[in-house]
Amino acid sequence: MRLLLCCLTIGHQAPDLIILDEPTNNLDIQNINILTSAVNEYRGALIVVSHDQRFLGDTGVEAAIIMES
């Protein structure tokens, strides 16, 4: 996660696409807030797999594919 945050802060050298798989697992609230801010500043494409509805809402997800078992 720290590597991702570093990549997001590089700016013009940030990757075009980032895939996050349950990014808020095992993070405390402070680190979730830091991650949310970094994701909101990121200007590339983002694919997020998450059960954390608050994180998804706070990051402004525009489209979702919901899979139910």
PDB file of N, CA and C in Angstrom:
ATOM      1  N   MET A   1       0.826  -1.183   0.000  1.00  0.00           N
ATOM      2  CA  MET A   1       0.000   0.000   0.000  1.00  0.00           C
ATOM      3  C   MET A   1       0.872   1.249   0.000  1.00  0.00           C
ATOM      4  N   ARG A   2       1.977   1.203   0.716  1.00  0.00           N
ATOM      5  CA  ARG A   2       2.871   2.364   0.731  1.00  0.00           C
ATOM      6  C   ARG A   2       3.457   2.621  -0.650  1.00  0.00           C
ATOM      7  N   LEU A   3       3.752   1.550  -1.375  1.00  0.00           N
ATOM      8  CA  LEU A   3       4.260   1.704  -2.735  1.00  0.00           C
ATOM      9  C   LEU A   3       3.214   2.379  -3.608  1.00  0.00           C
ATOM     10  N   LEU A   4       1.958   1.986  -3.464  1.00  0.00           N
ATOM     11  CA  LEU A   4       0.888   2.603  -4.233  1.00  0.00           C
ATOM     12  C   LEU A   4       0.799   4.086  -3.921  1.00  0.00           C
ATOM     13  N   LEU A   5       0.818   4.434  -2.654  1.00  0.00           N
ATOM     14  CA  LEU A   5       0.726   5.841  -2.274  1.00  0.00           C
ATOM     15  C   LEU A   5       1.899   6.632  -2.840  1.00  0.00           C
ATOM     16  N   CYS A   6       3.070   6.030  -2.841  1.00  0.00           N
ATOM     17  CA  CYS A   6       4.242   6.668  -3.426  1.00  0.00           C
ATOM     18  C   CYS A   6       4.024   6.906  -4.918  1.00  0.00           C
ATOM     19  N   CYS A   7       3.515   5.911  -5.612  1.00  0.00           N
ATOM     20  CA  CYS A   7       3.257   6.049  -7.050  1.00  0.00           C
ATOM     21  C   CYS A   7       2.252   7.163  -7.332  1.00  0.00           C
ATOM     22  N   LEU A   8       1.249   7.279  -6.481  1.00  0.00           N
ATOM     23  CA  LEU A   8       0.229   8.290  -6.691  1.00  0.00           C
ATOM     24  C   LEU A   8       0.760   9.700  -6.472  1.00  0.00           C
ATOM     25  N   THR A   9       1.766   9.848  -5.628  1.00  0.00           N
ATOM     26  CA  THR A   9       2.293  11.176  -5.331  1.00  0.00           C
ATOM     27  C   THR A   9       3.356  11.623  -6.321  1.00  0.00           C
ATOM     28  N   ILE A  10       3.811  10.735  -7.190  1.00  0.00           N
ATOM     29  CA  ILE A  10       4.839  11.089  -8.162  1.00  0.00           C
ATOM     30  C   ILE A  10       4.286  12.062  -9.213  1.00  0.00           C
ATOM     31  N   GLY A  11       2.976  12.046  -9.422  1.00  0.00           N
ATOM     32  CA  GLY A  11       2.359  12.978 -10.351  1.00  0.00           C
ATOM     33  C   GLY A  11       2.488  12.557 -11.797  1.00  0.00           C
ATOM     34  N   HIS A  12       3.343  13.236 -12.555  1.00  0.00           N
ATOM     35  CA  HIS A  12       3.448  13.000 -13.993  1.00  0.00           C
ATOM     36  C   HIS A  12       4.009  11.621 -14.326  1.00  0.00           C
ATOM     37  N   GLN A  13       4.556  10.909 -13.347  1.00  0.00           N
ATOM     38  CA  GLN A  13       5.091   9.573 -13.586  1.00  0.00           C
ATOM     39  C   GLN A  13       4.178   8.474 -13.043  1.00  0.00           C
ATOM     40  N   ALA A  14       2.990   8.842 -12.621  1.00  0.00           N
ATOM     41  CA  ALA A  14       2.056   7.859 -12.071  1.00  0.00           C
ATOM     42  C   ALA A  14       1.627   6.887 -13.167  1.00  0.00           C
ATOM     43  N   PRO A  15       1.322   5.642 -12.813  1.00  0.00           N
ATOM     44  CA  PRO A  15       0.878   4.670 -13.818  1.00  0.00           C
ATOM     45  C   PRO A  15      -0.475   5.059 -14.412  1.00  0.00           C
ATOM     46  N   ASP A  16      -0.750   4.556 -15.612  1.00  0.00           N
ATOM     47  CA  ASP A  16      -2.019   4.850 -16.282  1.00  0.00           C
ATOM     48  C   ASP A  16      -3.178   4.080 -15.667  1.00  0.00           C
ATOM     49  N   LEU A  17      -2.896   2.925 -15.080  1.00  0.00           N
ATOM     50  CA  LEU A  17      -3.929   2.067 -14.507  1.00  0.00           C
ATOM     51  C   LEU A  17      -3.436   1.484 -13.191  1.00  0.00           C
ATOM     52  N   ILE A  18      -4.301   1.537 -12.191  1.00  0.00           N
ATOM     53  CA  ILE A  18      -4.013   0.906 -10.895  1.00  0.00           C
ATOM     54  C   ILE A  18      -5.178  -0.011 -10.564  1.00  0.00           C
ATOM     55  N   ILE A  19      -4.867  -1.240 -10.145  1.00  0.00           N
ATOM     56  CA  ILE A  19      -5.877  -2.202  -9.716  1.00  0.00           C
ATOM     57  C   ILE A  19      -5.716  -2.404  -8.218  1.00  0.00           C
ATOM     58  N   LEU A  20      -6.797  -2.167  -7.474  1.00  0.00           N
ATOM     59  CA  LEU A  20      -6.785  -2.322  -6.020  1.00  0.00           C
ATOM     60  C   LEU A  20      -7.721  -3.460  -5.623  1.00  0.00           C
ATOM     61  N   ASP A  21      -7.206  -4.418  -4.894  1.00  0.00           N
ATOM     62  CA  ASP A  21      -7.996  -5.546  -4.415  1.00  0.00           C
ATOM     63  C   ASP A  21      -8.145  -5.420  -2.907  1.00  0.00           C
ATOM     64  N   GLU A  22      -9.341  -5.059  -2.465  1.00  0.00           N
ATOM     65  CA  GLU A  22      -9.636  -4.847  -1.045  1.00  0.00           C
ATOM     66  C   GLU A  22      -8.594  -3.921  -0.394  1.00  0.00           C
ATOM     67  N   PRO A  23      -8.458  -2.699  -0.913  1.00  0.00           N
ATOM     68  CA  PRO A  23      -7.391  -1.813  -0.442  1.00  0.00           C
ATOM     69  C   PRO A  23      -7.527  -1.352   0.999  1.00  0.00           C
ATOM     70  N   THR A  24      -8.731  -1.390   1.562  1.00  0.00           N
ATOM     71  CA  THR A  24      -8.892  -0.894   2.932  1.00  0.00           C
ATOM     72  C   THR A  24      -8.784  -1.989   3.991  1.00  0.00           C
ATOM     73  N   ASN A  25      -8.618  -3.235   3.556  1.00  0.00           N
ATOM     74  CA  ASN A  25      -8.433  -4.317   4.534  1.00  0.00           C
ATOM     75  C   ASN A  25      -7.191  -4.053   5.362  1.00  0.00           C
ATOM     76  N   ASN A  26      -7.277  -4.272   6.641  1.00  0.00           N
ATOM     77  CA  ASN A  26      -6.154  -4.138   7.570  1.00  0.00           C
ATOM     78  C   ASN A  26      -5.606  -2.720   7.680  1.00  0.00           C
ATOM     79  N   LEU A  27      -6.370  -1.715   7.267  1.00  0.00           N
ATOM     80  CA  LEU A  27      -5.953  -0.325   7.446  1.00  0.00           C
ATOM     81  C   LEU A  27      -6.790   0.318   8.539  1.00  0.00           C
ATOM     82  N   ASP A  28      -6.151   1.177   9.331  1.00  0.00           N
ATOM     83  CA  ASP A  28      -6.913   1.928  10.314  1.00  0.00           C
ATOM     84  C   ASP A  28      -7.561   3.134   9.623  1.00  0.00           C
ATOM     85  N   ILE A  29      -8.406   3.852  10.344  1.00  0.00           N
ATOM     86  CA  ILE A  29      -9.170   4.943   9.746  1.00  0.00           C
ATOM     87  C   ILE A  29      -8.253   6.028   9.183  1.00  0.00           C
ATOM     88  N   GLN A  30      -7.178   6.341   9.880  1.00  0.00           N
ATOM     89  CA  GLN A  30      -6.259   7.366   9.406  1.00  0.00           C
ATOM     90  C   GLN A  30      -5.657   6.982   8.054  1.00  0.00           C
ATOM     91  N   ASN A  31      -5.226   5.752   7.916  1.00  0.00           N
ATOM     92  CA  ASN A  31      -4.635   5.304   6.657  1.00  0.00           C
ATOM     93  C   ASN A  31      -5.671   5.164   5.546  1.00  0.00           C
ATOM     94  N   ILE A  32      -6.902   4.824   5.902  1.00  0.00           N
ATOM     95  CA  ILE A  32      -7.977   4.802   4.901  1.00  0.00           C
ATOM     96  C   ILE A  32      -8.208   6.209   4.371  1.00  0.00           C
ATOM     97  N   ASN A  33      -8.176   7.193   5.250  1.00  0.00           N
ATOM     98  CA  ASN A  33      -8.350   8.580   4.818  1.00  0.00           C
ATOM     99  C   ASN A  33      -7.211   9.035   3.909  1.00  0.00           C
ATOM    100  N   ILE A  34      -5.992   8.631   4.229  1.00  0.00           N
ATOM    101  CA  ILE A  34      -4.838   8.964   3.387  1.00  0.00           C
ATOM    102  C   ILE A  34      -4.984   8.316   2.018  1.00  0.00           C
ATOM    103  N   LEU A  35      -5.370   7.041   2.006  1.00  0.00           N
ATOM    104  CA  LEU A  35      -5.570   6.329   0.746  1.00  0.00           C
ATOM    105  C   LEU A  35      -6.681   6.980  -0.076  1.00  0.00           C
ATOM    106  N   THR A  36      -7.778   7.331   0.571  1.00  0.00           N
ATOM    107  CA  THR A  36      -8.897   7.975  -0.126  1.00  0.00           C
ATOM    108  C   THR A  36      -8.455   9.276  -0.770  1.00  0.00           C
ATOM    109  N   SER A  37      -7.707  10.078  -0.046  1.00  0.00           N
ATOM    110  CA  SER A  37      -7.204  11.349  -0.598  1.00  0.00           C
ATOM    111  C   SER A  37      -6.290  11.106  -1.787  1.00  0.00           C
ATOM    112  N   ALA A  38      -5.403  10.124  -1.668  1.00  0.00           N
ATOM    113  CA  ALA A  38      -4.475   9.819  -2.766  1.00  0.00           C
ATOM    114  C   ALA A  38      -5.233   9.340  -3.996  1.00  0.00           C
ATOM    115  N   VAL A  39      -6.221   8.480  -3.805  1.00  0.00           N
ATOM    116  CA  VAL A  39      -7.013   7.974  -4.927  1.00  0.00           C
ATOM    117  C   VAL A  39      -7.787   9.119  -5.584  1.00  0.00           C
ATOM    118  N   ASN A  40      -8.311  10.034  -4.789  1.00  0.00           N
ATOM    119  CA  ASN A  40      -9.060  11.164  -5.338  1.00  0.00           C
ATOM    120  C   ASN A  40      -8.175  12.112  -6.146  1.00  0.00           C
ATOM    121  N   GLU A  41      -6.900  12.169  -5.851  1.00  0.00           N
ATOM    122  CA  GLU A  41      -5.978  13.027  -6.596  1.00  0.00           C
ATOM    123  C   GLU A  41      -5.417  12.329  -7.840  1.00  0.00           C
ATOM    124  N   TYR A  42      -5.523  11.020  -7.896  1.00  0.00           N
ATOM    125  CA  TYR A  42      -5.008  10.230  -9.008  1.00  0.00           C
ATOM    126  C   TYR A  42      -5.845  10.487 -10.252  1.00  0.00           C
ATOM    127  N   ARG A  43      -5.225  10.684 -11.397  1.00  0.00           N
ATOM    128  CA  ARG A  43      -5.934  11.026 -12.633  1.00  0.00           C
ATOM    129  C   ARG A  43      -5.952   9.904 -13.666  1.00  0.00           C
ATOM    130  N   GLY A  44      -5.469   8.728 -13.333  1.00  0.00           N
ATOM    131  CA  GLY A  44      -5.485   7.605 -14.265  1.00  0.00           C
ATOM    132  C   GLY A  44      -6.721   6.741 -14.060  1.00  0.00           C
ATOM    133  N   ALA A  45      -6.740   5.615 -14.732  1.00  0.00           N
ATOM    134  CA  ALA A  45      -7.835   4.646 -14.598  1.00  0.00           C
ATOM    135  C   ALA A  45      -7.633   3.819 -13.335  1.00  0.00           C
ATOM    136  N   LEU A  46      -8.726   3.452 -12.719  1.00  0.00           N
ATOM    137  CA  LEU A  46      -8.683   2.733 -11.450  1.00  0.00           C
ATOM    138  C   LEU A  46      -9.719   1.620 -11.459  1.00  0.00           C
ATOM    139  N   ILE A  47      -9.287   0.417 -11.112  1.00  0.00           N
ATOM    140  CA  ILE A  47     -10.195  -0.713 -10.927  1.00  0.00           C
ATOM    141  C   ILE A  47     -10.088  -1.091  -9.454  1.00  0.00           C
ATOM    142  N   VAL A  48     -11.228  -1.107  -8.776  1.00  0.00           N
ATOM    143  CA  VAL A  48     -11.239  -1.393  -7.340  1.00  0.00           C
ATOM    144  C   VAL A  48     -12.170  -2.557  -7.059  1.00  0.00           C
ATOM    145  N   VAL A  49     -11.654  -3.553  -6.347  1.00  0.00           N
ATOM    146  CA  VAL A  49     -12.474  -4.647  -5.831  1.00  0.00           C
ATOM    147  C   VAL A  49     -12.574  -4.398  -4.336  1.00  0.00           C
ATOM    148  N   SER A  50     -13.791  -4.137  -3.846  1.00  0.00           N
ATOM    149  CA  SER A  50     -13.921  -3.791  -2.434  1.00  0.00           C
ATOM    150  C   SER A  50     -15.340  -4.038  -1.931  1.00  0.00           C
ATOM    151  N   HIS A  51     -15.418  -4.396  -0.657  1.00  0.00           N
ATOM    152  CA  HIS A  51     -16.700  -4.489   0.032  1.00  0.00           C
ATOM    153  C   HIS A  51     -16.976  -3.216   0.834  1.00  0.00           C
ATOM    154  N   ASP A  52     -16.010  -2.323   0.876  1.00  0.00           N
ATOM    155  CA  ASP A  52     -16.092  -1.110   1.691  1.00  0.00           C
ATOM    156  C   ASP A  52     -16.879  -0.035   0.940  1.00  0.00           C
ATOM    157  N   GLN A  53     -18.182   0.003   1.174  1.00  0.00           N
ATOM    158  CA  GLN A  53     -19.057   0.937   0.468  1.00  0.00           C
ATOM    159  C   GLN A  53     -18.702   2.391   0.755  1.00  0.00           C
ATOM    160  N   ARG A  54     -18.262   2.670   1.952  1.00  0.00           N
ATOM    161  CA  ARG A  54     -17.888   4.047   2.287  1.00  0.00           C
ATOM    162  C   ARG A  54     -16.687   4.489   1.448  1.00  0.00           C
ATOM    163  N   PHE A  55     -15.665   3.635   1.362  1.00  0.00           N
ATOM    164  CA  PHE A  55     -14.492   3.954   0.549  1.00  0.00           C
ATOM    165  C   PHE A  55     -14.895   4.172  -0.900  1.00  0.00           C
ATOM    166  N   LEU A  56     -15.725   3.292  -1.437  1.00  0.00           N
ATOM    167  CA  LEU A  56     -16.166   3.422  -2.825  1.00  0.00           C
ATOM    168  C   LEU A  56     -16.924   4.730  -3.034  1.00  0.00           C
ATOM    169  N   GLY A  57     -17.773   5.075  -2.096  1.00  0.00           N
ATOM    170  CA  GLY A  57     -18.516   6.330  -2.198  1.00  0.00           C
ATOM    171  C   GLY A  57     -17.621   7.549  -2.078  1.00  0.00           C
ATOM    172  N   ASP A  58     -16.681   7.499  -1.145  1.00  0.00           N
ATOM    173  CA  ASP A  58     -15.776   8.629  -0.916  1.00  0.00           C
ATOM    174  C   ASP A  58     -14.810   8.845  -2.077  1.00  0.00           C
ATOM    175  N   THR A  59     -14.554   7.802  -2.860  1.00  0.00           N
ATOM    176  CA  THR A  59     -13.650   7.938  -4.002  1.00  0.00           C
ATOM    177  C   THR A  59     -14.407   8.229  -5.299  1.00  0.00           C
ATOM    178  N   GLY A  60     -15.720   8.315  -5.223  1.00  0.00           N
ATOM    179  CA  GLY A  60     -16.504   8.714  -6.388  1.00  0.00           C
ATOM    180  C   GLY A  60     -16.553   7.692  -7.499  1.00  0.00           C
ATOM    181  N   VAL A  61     -16.703   6.436  -7.149  1.00  0.00           N
ATOM    182  CA  VAL A  61     -16.809   5.383  -8.160  1.00  0.00           C
ATOM    183  C   VAL A  61     -17.974   5.724  -9.095  1.00  0.00           C
ATOM    184  N   GLU A  62     -17.707   5.679 -10.398  1.00  0.00           N
ATOM    185  CA  GLU A  62     -18.720   6.053 -11.390  1.00  0.00           C
ATOM    186  C   GLU A  62     -19.495   4.871 -11.938  1.00  0.00           C
ATOM    187  N   ALA A  63     -18.904   3.678 -11.889  1.00  0.00           N
ATOM    188  CA  ALA A  63     -19.564   2.482 -12.414  1.00  0.00           C
ATOM    189  C   ALA A  63     -19.216   1.312 -11.535  1.00  0.00           C
ATOM    190  N   ALA A  64     -20.133   0.376 -11.415  1.00  0.00           N
ATOM    191  CA  ALA A  64     -19.887  -0.791 -10.563  1.00  0.00           C
ATOM    192  C   ALA A  64     -20.413  -2.053 -11.220  1.00  0.00           C
ATOM    193  N   ILE A  65     -19.696  -3.118 -10.996  1.00  0.00           N
ATOM    194  CA  ILE A  65     -20.170  -4.450 -11.356  1.00  0.00           C
ATOM    195  C   ILE A  65     -20.346  -5.184 -10.038  1.00  0.00           C
ATOM    196  N   ILE A  66     -21.571  -5.534  -9.742  1.00  0.00           N
ATOM    197  CA  ILE A  66     -21.878  -6.189  -8.471  1.00  0.00           C
ATOM    198  C   ILE A  66     -22.048  -7.676  -8.724  1.00  0.00           C
ATOM    199  N   MET A  67     -21.257  -8.460  -8.006  1.00  0.00           N
ATOM    200  CA  MET A  67     -21.312  -9.908  -8.147  1.00  0.00           C
ATOM    201  C   MET A  67     -21.911 -10.493  -6.880  1.00  0.00           C
ATOM    202  N   GLU A  68     -22.940 -11.271  -7.041  1.00  0.00           N
ATOM    203  CA  GLU A  68     -23.570 -11.913  -5.907  1.00  0.00           C
ATOM    204  C   GLU A  68     -23.437 -13.413  -6.038  1.00  0.00           C
ATOM    205  N   SER A  69     -23.276 -14.082  -4.895  1.00  0.00           N
ATOM    206  CA  SER A  69     -23.125 -15.540  -4.944  1.00  0.00           C
ATOM    207  C   SER A  69     -24.462 -16.233  -4.849  1.00  0.00           C
TER     208      SER A  69
END
